[in-house]
N, C-alpha and C. Protein backbone atom coordinates (compact mmCIF):
# COMPACT_ATOMS: atom_id res chain seq x y z
N MET A 1 4.05 42.97 10.91
CA MET A 1 5.60 43.01 10.49
C MET A 1 5.76 42.07 9.48
N SER A 2 6.49 42.67 8.48
CA SER A 2 7.01 41.86 7.21
C SER A 2 8.42 41.21 7.60
N GLY A 3 8.27 39.88 7.20
CA GLY A 3 9.33 39.02 7.29
C GLY A 3 9.45 38.53 8.60
N LEU A 4 8.24 38.28 9.47
CA LEU A 4 8.17 37.89 10.80
C LEU A 4 8.62 36.55 10.82
N ALA A 5 9.52 35.88 11.63
CA ALA A 5 9.67 34.44 11.51
C ALA A 5 10.64 34.19 12.81
N ASP A 6 10.53 32.87 12.96
CA ASP A 6 11.56 32.53 13.98
C ASP A 6 12.59 32.48 13.58
N GLU A 7 13.99 32.13 14.30
CA GLU A 7 15.43 31.94 13.78
C GLU A 7 15.96 30.89 14.71
N PRO A 8 16.88 29.89 13.89
CA PRO A 8 17.48 28.96 14.46
C PRO A 8 18.41 29.82 15.38
N ALA A 9 18.96 29.17 16.44
CA ALA A 9 19.95 29.81 17.43
C ALA A 9 20.53 28.52 18.12
N GLN A 10 21.76 28.92 18.41
CA GLN A 10 22.59 27.87 19.06
C GLN A 10 23.54 28.44 20.06
N ARG A 11 23.12 28.47 21.50
CA ARG A 11 24.17 28.83 22.44
C ARG A 11 24.98 27.80 22.85
N PRO A 12 26.26 27.77 23.07
CA PRO A 12 27.22 26.79 23.44
C PRO A 12 26.96 25.95 24.60
N VAL A 13 26.94 24.75 24.28
CA VAL A 13 26.55 23.62 25.47
C VAL A 13 27.70 23.29 26.01
N VAL A 14 27.91 23.57 27.28
CA VAL A 14 29.15 23.02 27.98
C VAL A 14 29.35 21.68 28.23
N SER A 15 28.26 21.15 28.94
CA SER A 15 28.30 19.65 28.81
C SER A 15 26.79 19.25 28.76
N SER A 16 26.84 17.99 28.53
CA SER A 16 25.18 17.36 28.22
C SER A 16 25.31 15.89 28.63
N GLU A 17 24.30 15.26 29.16
CA GLU A 17 24.11 14.08 29.58
C GLU A 17 22.74 13.60 29.57
N THR A 18 22.51 12.11 29.28
CA THR A 18 21.30 11.86 28.97
C THR A 18 20.65 10.58 30.31
N PRO A 19 20.40 11.08 31.36
CA PRO A 19 20.30 10.16 32.55
C PRO A 19 19.09 9.09 32.04
N TYR A 20 18.50 9.38 31.25
CA TYR A 20 17.28 8.37 30.90
C TYR A 20 16.89 8.14 29.28
N VAL A 21 16.71 7.05 28.89
CA VAL A 21 16.68 6.73 27.72
C VAL A 21 15.39 5.71 27.51
N GLY A 22 14.37 6.10 27.02
CA GLY A 22 13.17 5.20 27.07
C GLY A 22 12.98 4.57 25.65
N ARG A 23 11.93 3.93 25.47
CA ARG A 23 11.57 3.30 24.20
C ARG A 23 11.37 4.45 23.04
N LEU A 24 10.86 5.26 23.33
CA LEU A 24 10.39 6.52 22.34
C LEU A 24 11.05 7.69 22.86
N PHE A 25 11.19 8.24 24.15
CA PHE A 25 11.66 9.45 24.66
C PHE A 25 12.90 9.13 25.53
N ALA A 26 13.48 10.40 25.69
CA ALA A 26 14.73 10.67 26.44
C ALA A 26 14.71 11.70 27.30
N MET A 27 15.51 11.78 28.36
CA MET A 27 15.38 13.20 29.32
C MET A 27 16.98 13.53 29.19
N ARG A 28 17.26 14.75 28.85
CA ARG A 28 18.44 15.25 28.52
C ARG A 28 18.97 16.43 29.33
N LYS A 29 19.97 16.48 30.00
CA LYS A 29 20.53 17.53 30.94
C LYS A 29 21.69 18.17 30.32
N ASP A 30 21.37 19.43 29.76
CA ASP A 30 22.41 20.33 29.22
C ASP A 30 23.03 21.29 30.36
N VAL A 31 24.31 21.64 30.18
CA VAL A 31 24.50 22.96 30.87
C VAL A 31 25.01 23.89 29.80
N VAL A 32 24.11 25.08 29.53
CA VAL A 32 24.45 25.98 28.42
C VAL A 32 24.98 27.31 29.07
N ALA A 33 25.89 27.80 28.23
CA ALA A 33 26.44 29.15 28.42
C ALA A 33 25.51 30.26 27.72
N LEU A 34 24.65 30.93 28.67
CA LEU A 34 24.25 32.21 28.41
C LEU A 34 24.71 33.42 28.72
N ASP A 35 25.38 34.07 27.82
CA ASP A 35 26.20 35.30 27.94
C ASP A 35 27.14 35.14 28.88
N ASP A 36 26.88 35.69 30.23
CA ASP A 36 28.11 35.77 31.43
C ASP A 36 27.65 34.65 32.50
N GLU A 37 26.76 33.58 32.18
CA GLU A 37 26.38 32.78 33.11
C GLU A 37 25.98 31.24 32.45
N GLU A 38 26.25 30.22 33.27
CA GLU A 38 25.85 28.93 32.79
C GLU A 38 24.67 28.56 33.60
N VAL A 39 23.64 27.70 32.88
CA VAL A 39 22.46 27.61 33.48
C VAL A 39 22.32 25.87 33.06
N VAL A 40 21.71 25.12 33.87
CA VAL A 40 21.10 23.81 33.48
C VAL A 40 19.72 23.79 32.91
N ARG A 41 19.51 22.92 31.86
CA ARG A 41 18.44 22.95 31.42
C ARG A 41 18.06 21.58 30.99
N ASP A 42 16.83 20.84 31.76
CA ASP A 42 16.58 19.72 31.67
C ASP A 42 15.12 19.51 30.51
N TYR A 43 15.34 18.47 29.61
CA TYR A 43 14.23 18.77 28.58
C TYR A 43 14.05 17.31 28.10
N LEU A 44 12.96 17.03 27.59
CA LEU A 44 12.55 15.70 26.89
C LEU A 44 13.02 15.76 25.59
N VAL A 45 13.56 14.86 25.20
CA VAL A 45 13.93 14.62 23.67
C VAL A 45 12.75 13.85 23.03
N HIS A 46 12.26 14.20 21.82
CA HIS A 46 11.14 13.81 21.27
C HIS A 46 11.50 13.50 19.98
N PRO A 47 10.75 12.50 19.33
CA PRO A 47 11.22 12.10 17.83
C PRO A 47 10.18 12.83 16.91
N GLY A 48 9.27 13.82 17.47
CA GLY A 48 8.65 14.42 16.47
C GLY A 48 7.31 13.63 16.17
N ALA A 49 6.26 14.37 15.24
CA ALA A 49 5.01 13.64 15.34
C ALA A 49 4.27 14.40 14.11
N VAL A 50 3.29 13.75 13.71
CA VAL A 50 2.43 14.37 12.72
C VAL A 50 0.87 14.08 13.08
N GLY A 51 0.03 15.15 12.71
CA GLY A 51 -1.15 15.12 13.01
C GLY A 51 -2.07 15.38 11.45
N ILE A 52 -3.26 14.85 11.58
CA ILE A 52 -4.07 15.21 10.37
C ILE A 52 -5.47 15.86 10.38
N ILE A 53 -5.45 17.12 10.15
CA ILE A 53 -6.85 17.85 10.11
C ILE A 53 -7.65 17.38 8.91
N ALA A 54 -8.35 16.29 8.93
CA ALA A 54 -9.13 15.80 7.73
C ALA A 54 -10.40 16.38 7.83
N ILE A 55 -10.74 17.22 6.53
CA ILE A 55 -12.21 17.58 6.64
C ILE A 55 -12.91 17.53 5.17
N ASP A 56 -14.13 17.11 5.34
CA ASP A 56 -15.01 16.64 4.36
C ASP A 56 -15.28 17.80 3.60
N GLU A 57 -16.35 17.64 2.46
CA GLU A 57 -16.89 18.90 1.55
C GLU A 57 -17.96 19.62 2.33
N THR A 58 -18.57 19.00 3.39
CA THR A 58 -19.17 19.95 4.31
C THR A 58 -18.48 20.62 5.42
N ASP A 59 -17.10 20.59 5.61
CA ASP A 59 -16.48 21.26 6.46
C ASP A 59 -16.65 20.38 8.10
N ARG A 60 -16.70 19.38 7.67
CA ARG A 60 -16.62 18.58 9.20
C ARG A 60 -15.54 17.85 9.24
N VAL A 61 -14.92 17.94 10.53
CA VAL A 61 -13.56 17.39 10.95
C VAL A 61 -13.82 16.03 11.44
N LEU A 62 -12.80 15.06 11.03
CA LEU A 62 -12.77 13.60 11.30
C LEU A 62 -11.88 13.80 12.78
N LEU A 63 -12.38 13.41 13.86
CA LEU A 63 -11.88 13.15 15.21
C LEU A 63 -11.85 11.94 15.70
N VAL A 64 -10.88 11.47 16.68
CA VAL A 64 -10.92 10.36 17.34
C VAL A 64 -10.76 10.80 18.90
N HIS A 65 -11.51 9.75 19.50
CA HIS A 65 -11.65 10.08 21.21
C HIS A 65 -10.56 9.22 21.70
N GLN A 66 -9.26 9.45 22.43
CA GLN A 66 -8.58 8.45 22.67
C GLN A 66 -8.23 8.82 24.42
N TYR A 67 -7.98 7.87 25.03
CA TYR A 67 -7.48 8.20 26.44
C TYR A 67 -5.91 8.40 26.58
N ARG A 68 -5.74 9.56 27.39
CA ARG A 68 -4.24 10.03 27.43
C ARG A 68 -4.22 9.98 28.87
N HIS A 69 -3.03 8.79 29.41
CA HIS A 69 -2.77 8.65 30.59
C HIS A 69 -2.03 9.84 31.52
N PRO A 70 -1.23 10.71 31.00
CA PRO A 70 -0.59 11.57 31.77
C PRO A 70 -1.60 12.49 32.47
N VAL A 71 -2.65 12.83 31.46
CA VAL A 71 -3.57 13.73 31.78
C VAL A 71 -4.97 13.32 32.46
N ARG A 72 -5.01 11.90 32.64
CA ARG A 72 -6.13 11.38 32.95
C ARG A 72 -7.48 11.85 32.43
N ALA A 73 -7.47 11.83 30.95
CA ALA A 73 -8.51 12.04 30.31
C ALA A 73 -8.72 11.44 28.98
N ARG A 74 -10.03 11.43 28.66
CA ARG A 74 -10.28 11.00 26.84
C ARG A 74 -10.58 12.50 26.41
N LEU A 75 -9.47 12.49 25.23
CA LEU A 75 -9.66 13.80 24.36
C LEU A 75 -10.08 13.40 23.11
N TRP A 76 -10.52 14.42 22.55
CA TRP A 76 -10.79 14.54 21.17
C TRP A 76 -9.80 14.99 20.37
N GLU A 77 -9.30 14.44 19.54
CA GLU A 77 -7.92 14.66 18.77
C GLU A 77 -8.14 14.38 17.30
N PRO A 78 -7.40 15.10 16.67
CA PRO A 78 -7.04 14.59 14.87
C PRO A 78 -6.52 13.42 15.09
N PRO A 79 -6.43 12.68 14.15
CA PRO A 79 -5.44 11.41 13.78
C PRO A 79 -4.05 11.85 14.09
N ALA A 80 -3.32 11.28 14.62
CA ALA A 80 -1.85 11.54 14.74
C ALA A 80 -0.76 10.56 15.05
N GLY A 81 0.41 10.50 15.08
CA GLY A 81 1.11 9.68 15.48
C GLY A 81 2.74 10.20 15.39
N LEU A 82 3.56 9.26 16.25
CA LEU A 82 4.99 9.69 16.24
C LEU A 82 5.79 9.23 15.08
N LEU A 83 6.79 10.11 14.65
CA LEU A 83 7.75 9.90 13.96
C LEU A 83 9.06 8.97 14.36
N ASP A 84 8.64 7.61 14.67
CA ASP A 84 9.69 7.01 15.55
C ASP A 84 10.30 5.90 14.68
N VAL A 85 10.27 5.89 13.38
CA VAL A 85 10.87 5.12 12.14
C VAL A 85 11.91 5.99 11.67
N PRO A 86 13.17 5.60 11.79
CA PRO A 86 14.33 6.72 11.24
C PRO A 86 14.25 6.80 9.66
N GLY A 87 14.00 7.81 9.28
CA GLY A 87 14.22 8.45 7.77
C GLY A 87 12.79 8.20 7.16
N GLU A 88 11.86 7.73 7.89
CA GLU A 88 10.34 7.82 7.38
C GLU A 88 9.87 9.22 6.79
N ASP A 89 9.41 9.16 5.78
CA ASP A 89 8.92 10.54 5.11
C ASP A 89 7.44 10.87 5.91
N PRO A 90 7.52 12.16 6.65
CA PRO A 90 6.42 12.45 7.37
C PRO A 90 4.97 12.31 6.68
N LEU A 91 5.01 12.56 5.37
CA LEU A 91 3.63 12.42 4.76
C LEU A 91 3.25 10.93 4.68
N VAL A 92 4.16 10.23 4.49
CA VAL A 92 3.95 8.59 4.61
C VAL A 92 3.42 8.20 6.07
N ALA A 93 3.69 8.86 6.85
CA ALA A 93 3.32 8.48 8.20
C ALA A 93 2.17 9.15 8.59
N ALA A 94 1.83 10.15 7.88
CA ALA A 94 0.33 11.01 8.05
C ALA A 94 -0.62 10.03 7.31
N ARG A 95 -0.34 9.70 6.00
CA ARG A 95 -1.39 8.62 5.20
C ARG A 95 -1.56 7.46 5.92
N ARG A 96 -0.54 6.90 6.73
CA ARG A 96 -0.51 5.77 7.48
C ARG A 96 -1.60 5.75 8.75
N GLU A 97 -1.43 6.96 9.56
CA GLU A 97 -2.23 7.36 10.70
C GLU A 97 -3.54 7.71 10.15
N LEU A 98 -3.90 8.20 9.34
CA LEU A 98 -5.07 8.51 8.92
C LEU A 98 -5.94 7.11 8.58
N HIS A 99 -5.40 6.41 7.65
CA HIS A 99 -5.82 4.95 7.64
C HIS A 99 -6.18 4.37 8.80
N GLU A 100 -4.92 4.16 9.84
CA GLU A 100 -5.06 3.20 10.78
C GLU A 100 -6.12 3.71 11.84
N GLU A 101 -5.88 4.90 12.24
CA GLU A 101 -6.75 5.65 13.39
C GLU A 101 -8.15 5.99 12.95
N ALA A 102 -8.24 6.76 11.87
CA ALA A 102 -9.66 7.12 11.39
C ALA A 102 -10.32 6.38 10.18
N HIS A 103 -9.48 5.34 9.53
CA HIS A 103 -10.04 4.54 8.54
C HIS A 103 -10.25 5.04 7.41
N HIS A 104 -9.68 6.32 6.91
CA HIS A 104 -10.04 7.03 5.87
C HIS A 104 -8.62 7.34 4.97
N ARG A 105 -8.91 7.36 3.62
CA ARG A 105 -7.67 8.06 2.87
C ARG A 105 -8.09 9.43 2.27
N ALA A 106 -6.74 10.12 1.94
CA ALA A 106 -7.19 11.44 1.22
C ALA A 106 -6.15 11.72 0.07
N SER A 107 -7.01 12.32 -0.84
CA SER A 107 -6.30 12.62 -2.44
C SER A 107 -5.51 13.86 -2.09
N ASP A 108 -5.99 14.80 -1.24
CA ASP A 108 -5.36 16.35 -1.42
C ASP A 108 -4.93 16.51 -0.15
N TRP A 109 -3.37 16.76 0.01
CA TRP A 109 -2.86 16.88 1.31
C TRP A 109 -1.85 18.15 1.06
N ARG A 110 -1.94 19.11 2.11
CA ARG A 110 -1.36 20.33 2.35
C ARG A 110 -0.63 20.35 3.58
N VAL A 111 0.27 21.19 3.73
CA VAL A 111 1.06 21.40 5.03
C VAL A 111 -0.09 22.45 5.56
N LEU A 112 -0.49 22.39 6.85
CA LEU A 112 -1.20 23.40 7.69
C LEU A 112 -0.39 24.16 8.69
N VAL A 113 0.10 23.30 9.40
CA VAL A 113 0.88 24.07 10.52
C VAL A 113 2.18 23.22 10.96
N ASP A 114 3.32 23.86 11.29
CA ASP A 114 4.68 23.41 11.82
C ASP A 114 4.74 23.98 13.12
N ALA A 115 5.05 23.05 14.42
CA ALA A 115 4.78 23.77 15.62
C ALA A 115 5.80 23.12 16.46
N PHE A 116 6.28 23.83 17.34
CA PHE A 116 6.95 23.20 18.56
C PHE A 116 6.13 23.33 19.79
N THR A 117 5.64 22.08 20.33
CA THR A 117 4.45 21.77 21.07
C THR A 117 4.69 22.62 22.30
N SER A 118 5.94 22.61 22.88
CA SER A 118 6.36 22.76 24.62
C SER A 118 7.67 23.18 24.45
N PRO A 119 8.17 24.39 23.78
CA PRO A 119 9.64 24.66 23.49
C PRO A 119 10.47 24.86 24.76
N GLY A 120 9.91 25.17 25.88
CA GLY A 120 10.38 25.49 27.25
C GLY A 120 10.91 24.26 27.89
N CYS A 121 10.48 22.96 27.36
CA CYS A 121 10.60 21.77 28.19
C CYS A 121 10.87 20.61 27.10
N SER A 122 10.60 20.70 25.87
CA SER A 122 10.82 19.56 24.93
C SER A 122 11.30 20.06 23.57
N ASN A 123 12.01 19.24 22.67
CA ASN A 123 12.32 19.53 21.30
C ASN A 123 11.33 18.99 20.49
N GLU A 124 10.17 18.61 20.96
CA GLU A 124 9.01 18.00 20.07
C GLU A 124 8.73 18.72 18.92
N SER A 125 8.59 18.43 17.85
CA SER A 125 8.16 19.45 16.68
C SER A 125 7.08 18.63 16.05
N VAL A 126 5.87 18.95 15.57
CA VAL A 126 4.83 18.33 15.06
C VAL A 126 4.54 19.13 13.67
N ARG A 127 4.17 18.31 12.54
CA ARG A 127 3.71 18.89 11.59
C ARG A 127 2.10 18.43 11.36
N LEU A 128 1.34 19.37 11.01
CA LEU A 128 0.03 19.20 10.88
C LEU A 128 -0.46 19.25 9.48
N TYR A 129 -1.09 18.21 8.74
CA TYR A 129 -1.50 18.40 7.61
C TYR A 129 -2.72 18.77 7.59
N LEU A 130 -3.44 19.29 6.11
CA LEU A 130 -4.84 19.46 6.22
C LEU A 130 -5.05 18.33 5.10
N ALA A 131 -6.07 17.38 5.28
CA ALA A 131 -6.28 16.41 4.50
C ALA A 131 -7.71 16.48 3.93
N ARG A 132 -7.99 16.39 2.34
CA ARG A 132 -9.29 16.57 1.93
C ARG A 132 -9.44 15.67 0.89
N ASP A 133 -10.70 15.54 0.18
CA ASP A 133 -11.14 14.66 -0.85
C ASP A 133 -10.90 13.20 -0.12
N LEU A 134 -11.58 13.06 1.04
CA LEU A 134 -11.58 11.93 1.74
C LEU A 134 -12.57 10.61 1.13
N THR A 135 -12.03 9.56 1.44
CA THR A 135 -12.61 8.28 1.38
C THR A 135 -12.50 7.23 2.43
N PRO A 136 -13.45 6.63 2.80
CA PRO A 136 -13.34 5.60 3.75
C PRO A 136 -12.64 4.16 3.20
N VAL A 137 -11.97 3.43 4.15
CA VAL A 137 -11.62 2.41 3.70
C VAL A 137 -12.59 1.26 3.94
N GLY A 138 -12.50 0.23 3.20
CA GLY A 138 -13.40 -0.96 3.24
C GLY A 138 -13.18 -1.66 4.71
N ASP A 139 -14.34 -2.09 5.05
CA ASP A 139 -14.28 -3.01 6.51
C ASP A 139 -13.00 -4.11 6.23
N ASP A 140 -12.67 -4.62 5.30
CA ASP A 140 -11.96 -5.73 5.35
C ASP A 140 -10.42 -5.03 5.27
N ASP A 141 -10.28 -3.96 5.16
CA ASP A 141 -9.01 -3.07 5.15
C ASP A 141 -8.82 -2.10 6.55
N ARG A 142 -9.62 -2.36 7.61
CA ARG A 142 -9.55 -1.66 8.54
C ARG A 142 -8.34 -1.98 9.69
N HIS A 143 -7.65 -1.27 9.96
CA HIS A 143 -6.56 -1.65 11.01
C HIS A 143 -7.22 -1.85 12.42
N VAL A 144 -6.71 -3.02 13.07
CA VAL A 144 -7.15 -3.06 14.48
C VAL A 144 -6.25 -2.87 15.49
N GLY A 145 -6.64 -1.54 16.22
CA GLY A 145 -5.54 -1.13 17.08
C GLY A 145 -5.50 -1.99 18.27
N PHE A 146 -4.54 -1.56 19.12
CA PHE A 146 -3.92 -2.03 20.33
C PHE A 146 -4.02 -1.17 21.55
N HIS A 147 -3.64 -1.70 22.69
CA HIS A 147 -3.59 -0.43 23.79
C HIS A 147 -4.97 0.59 23.80
N GLU A 148 -4.46 1.85 23.91
CA GLU A 148 -5.53 2.82 23.98
C GLU A 148 -6.25 2.74 22.76
N GLU A 149 -5.69 2.27 21.67
CA GLU A 149 -6.21 2.44 20.43
C GLU A 149 -7.29 1.32 20.35
N ARG A 150 -7.34 0.36 21.06
CA ARG A 150 -8.61 -0.45 20.89
C ARG A 150 -9.73 -0.29 20.99
N ASP A 151 -10.21 1.16 22.04
CA ASP A 151 -11.27 1.47 22.09
C ASP A 151 -11.08 3.11 21.91
N MET A 152 -11.16 3.35 20.57
CA MET A 152 -10.93 4.76 20.01
C MET A 152 -11.98 4.99 19.17
N PRO A 153 -13.18 5.64 19.47
CA PRO A 153 -14.39 6.11 18.82
C PRO A 153 -13.83 7.02 17.77
N VAL A 154 -14.54 7.10 16.59
CA VAL A 154 -14.25 8.06 15.54
C VAL A 154 -15.47 8.90 15.16
N ASP A 155 -15.36 10.05 14.95
CA ASP A 155 -16.79 10.88 14.90
C ASP A 155 -16.33 12.18 13.98
N TRP A 156 -17.25 12.51 13.26
CA TRP A 156 -17.32 13.80 12.65
C TRP A 156 -17.77 14.93 13.24
N VAL A 157 -17.34 16.20 13.33
CA VAL A 157 -17.78 17.44 14.19
C VAL A 157 -17.27 18.65 13.07
N HIS A 158 -18.33 19.53 12.94
CA HIS A 158 -18.22 20.79 12.22
C HIS A 158 -17.06 21.58 12.62
N LEU A 159 -16.31 21.89 11.55
CA LEU A 159 -15.20 22.93 11.98
C LEU A 159 -15.56 23.96 13.11
N ASP A 160 -16.54 24.54 12.53
CA ASP A 160 -17.24 25.45 13.39
C ASP A 160 -17.47 25.25 14.98
N GLU A 161 -17.94 24.00 15.19
CA GLU A 161 -18.45 23.61 16.55
C GLU A 161 -17.14 23.20 17.16
N VAL A 162 -15.99 22.87 16.81
CA VAL A 162 -14.74 22.56 17.18
C VAL A 162 -14.00 23.89 17.57
N VAL A 163 -14.13 24.81 16.87
CA VAL A 163 -13.78 26.01 17.12
C VAL A 163 -14.36 26.62 18.39
N ALA A 164 -15.75 26.52 18.39
CA ALA A 164 -16.51 27.07 19.49
C ALA A 164 -16.16 26.35 20.71
N GLN A 165 -15.91 25.03 20.71
CA GLN A 165 -15.86 24.21 21.97
C GLN A 165 -14.32 24.52 22.58
N VAL A 166 -13.47 24.79 21.65
CA VAL A 166 -11.80 25.11 22.03
C VAL A 166 -12.04 26.45 22.84
N LEU A 167 -12.78 27.36 22.28
CA LEU A 167 -12.91 28.87 22.87
C LEU A 167 -13.81 28.84 24.21
N ALA A 168 -14.71 27.50 24.40
CA ALA A 168 -15.16 27.45 25.46
C ALA A 168 -14.65 26.59 26.59
N GLY A 169 -13.33 26.17 26.23
CA GLY A 169 -12.43 25.55 27.21
C GLY A 169 -12.93 24.04 27.43
N HIS A 170 -13.51 23.50 26.31
CA HIS A 170 -13.97 22.04 26.39
C HIS A 170 -12.77 21.01 25.69
N LEU A 171 -12.20 21.75 24.98
CA LEU A 171 -11.32 20.76 23.89
C LEU A 171 -9.90 21.16 24.20
N HIS A 172 -8.78 20.42 24.50
CA HIS A 172 -7.71 20.79 25.25
C HIS A 172 -6.36 20.18 24.48
N ASN A 173 -6.63 19.33 23.55
CA ASN A 173 -5.62 18.80 22.62
C ASN A 173 -4.79 19.76 21.71
N PRO A 174 -3.61 20.14 22.11
CA PRO A 174 -2.86 21.06 21.47
C PRO A 174 -2.87 21.22 19.74
N LEU A 175 -2.76 19.49 19.30
CA LEU A 175 -2.92 19.56 17.60
C LEU A 175 -4.44 19.83 17.25
N LEU A 176 -5.58 19.65 18.01
CA LEU A 176 -6.61 19.88 17.43
C LEU A 176 -6.70 21.27 17.45
N ILE A 177 -6.33 21.99 18.68
CA ILE A 177 -6.67 23.47 18.73
C ILE A 177 -5.69 24.28 17.63
N MET A 178 -4.58 23.93 17.45
CA MET A 178 -3.61 24.47 16.75
C MET A 178 -4.52 24.39 15.01
N GLY A 179 -4.81 23.02 14.75
CA GLY A 179 -5.09 22.62 13.45
C GLY A 179 -6.44 23.30 13.45
N ALA A 180 -7.42 23.42 14.06
CA ALA A 180 -8.73 23.64 13.92
C ALA A 180 -8.60 25.33 13.76
N MET A 181 -7.70 26.10 14.31
CA MET A 181 -7.75 27.40 14.20
C MET A 181 -7.12 27.92 12.83
N ALA A 182 -6.04 26.95 12.42
CA ALA A 182 -5.25 27.07 11.33
C ALA A 182 -6.31 26.77 10.00
N ALA A 183 -7.11 25.75 10.12
CA ALA A 183 -8.00 25.42 9.23
C ALA A 183 -9.25 26.39 8.97
N THR A 184 -9.46 27.07 10.11
CA THR A 184 -10.43 28.30 9.73
C THR A 184 -9.86 29.28 9.16
N ALA A 185 -8.66 29.75 9.43
CA ALA A 185 -8.05 31.07 8.83
C ALA A 185 -7.65 30.37 7.00
N ALA A 186 -7.43 29.23 7.04
CA ALA A 186 -7.20 28.95 5.71
C ALA A 186 -8.65 28.67 4.90
N ARG A 187 -9.46 28.52 5.46
CA ARG A 187 -10.81 28.22 4.93
C ARG A 187 -11.31 29.73 4.46
N ALA A 188 -11.18 30.51 5.21
CA ALA A 188 -11.51 31.87 4.92
C ALA A 188 -11.00 32.60 3.82
N ALA A 189 -9.56 32.07 3.38
CA ALA A 189 -8.87 32.29 2.53
C ALA A 189 -8.76 31.41 1.05
N GLY A 190 -9.96 30.66 1.15
CA GLY A 190 -10.44 29.67 -0.02
C GLY A 190 -9.27 28.62 0.04
N TRP A 191 -8.84 28.22 1.03
CA TRP A 191 -7.89 27.11 0.86
C TRP A 191 -6.49 27.49 0.17
N ALA A 192 -6.26 28.67 -0.16
CA ALA A 192 -5.31 29.28 -0.73
C ALA A 192 -3.92 29.58 0.12
N GLY A 193 -2.64 29.47 -0.64
CA GLY A 193 -1.43 29.87 0.08
C GLY A 193 -0.86 28.59 1.12
N LEU A 194 -1.43 27.49 1.21
CA LEU A 194 -0.96 26.40 2.16
C LEU A 194 0.34 26.03 1.23
N ARG A 195 1.20 25.52 2.28
CA ARG A 195 2.41 24.82 1.49
C ARG A 195 2.22 23.34 1.06
N PRO A 196 2.90 23.13 -0.10
CA PRO A 196 2.55 21.75 -0.51
C PRO A 196 3.02 20.42 0.70
N ALA A 197 2.45 19.50 0.17
CA ALA A 197 2.53 18.25 1.40
C ALA A 197 3.95 18.09 1.47
N ASP A 198 4.95 18.33 0.55
CA ASP A 198 6.14 17.93 0.69
C ASP A 198 7.22 19.00 1.16
N ALA A 199 6.67 20.20 1.54
CA ALA A 199 7.47 21.39 1.96
C ALA A 199 8.39 20.92 2.88
N PRO A 200 9.77 21.61 2.81
CA PRO A 200 10.91 21.36 3.87
C PRO A 200 10.34 21.36 5.01
N TRP A 201 10.82 20.70 6.13
CA TRP A 201 10.54 20.85 7.64
C TRP A 201 11.71 20.78 8.21
N PRO A 202 12.54 21.90 8.28
CA PRO A 202 13.97 21.98 8.89
C PRO A 202 13.95 21.78 10.37
N SER A 203 12.75 21.94 11.13
CA SER A 203 12.68 21.98 12.48
C SER A 203 12.28 20.47 12.84
N ARG A 204 12.16 19.48 12.05
CA ARG A 204 11.78 17.98 12.67
C ARG A 204 12.97 17.62 13.09
N PRO A 205 12.66 16.75 14.42
CA PRO A 205 13.84 16.16 15.37
C PRO A 205 14.17 15.07 14.80
N SER A 206 15.03 14.55 15.32
CA SER A 206 15.77 13.09 14.85
C SER A 206 15.06 11.96 15.85
N PRO A 207 14.90 10.77 15.51
CA PRO A 207 14.28 9.85 16.58
C PRO A 207 15.43 9.51 17.52
N VAL A 208 14.58 9.23 18.58
CA VAL A 208 15.62 9.02 20.02
C VAL A 208 16.33 7.71 19.79
N ARG A 209 17.61 7.72 19.70
CA ARG A 209 18.68 6.35 19.72
C ARG A 209 18.53 5.73 21.34
N GLN A 210 18.53 4.48 21.06
CA GLN A 210 18.89 3.81 22.43
C GLN A 210 20.19 3.89 22.82
């Protein structure tokens, strides 16, 4: 189908309240007019996030192993982070997360995927970058993590193995799944056709305000 694309849409909001505002997230309750009826929709207000699919010259993907409390599991994930600094450029945030979480820098950045992670219950939007031409940071320049990031091993896994384990049901992080599949398609096209790292991102949400 030529021109296949999502389109912005706005149904009238009859009323809106925010019963909870946390440090990073909020819960919102909207009464929305849908044709001849009004419905209540509760959803998570999210500041957005960036993730990095970092791939070396042998098609290995740089992954971190992080504990995620809501799902009670340690997940293999790409480096990623919230966009909780008002006005921060997402590429700047992605460079920082690659440095801090995976101890690498990259000189080649492209946009790989923009996605809504759970559009039925959150406004979260994420931008996944493809990072290549990687170099490790020196030991004296490594970021020291805290909380869950204090114990976050880093490893290299071949892209084909990542995809195989996704399809086998062994990997569950949505950024890794989307990123690995998109990277596989982009590799098959010779990495051509990807958007530049500074491509517009109209679906990026705004940071949650206290």
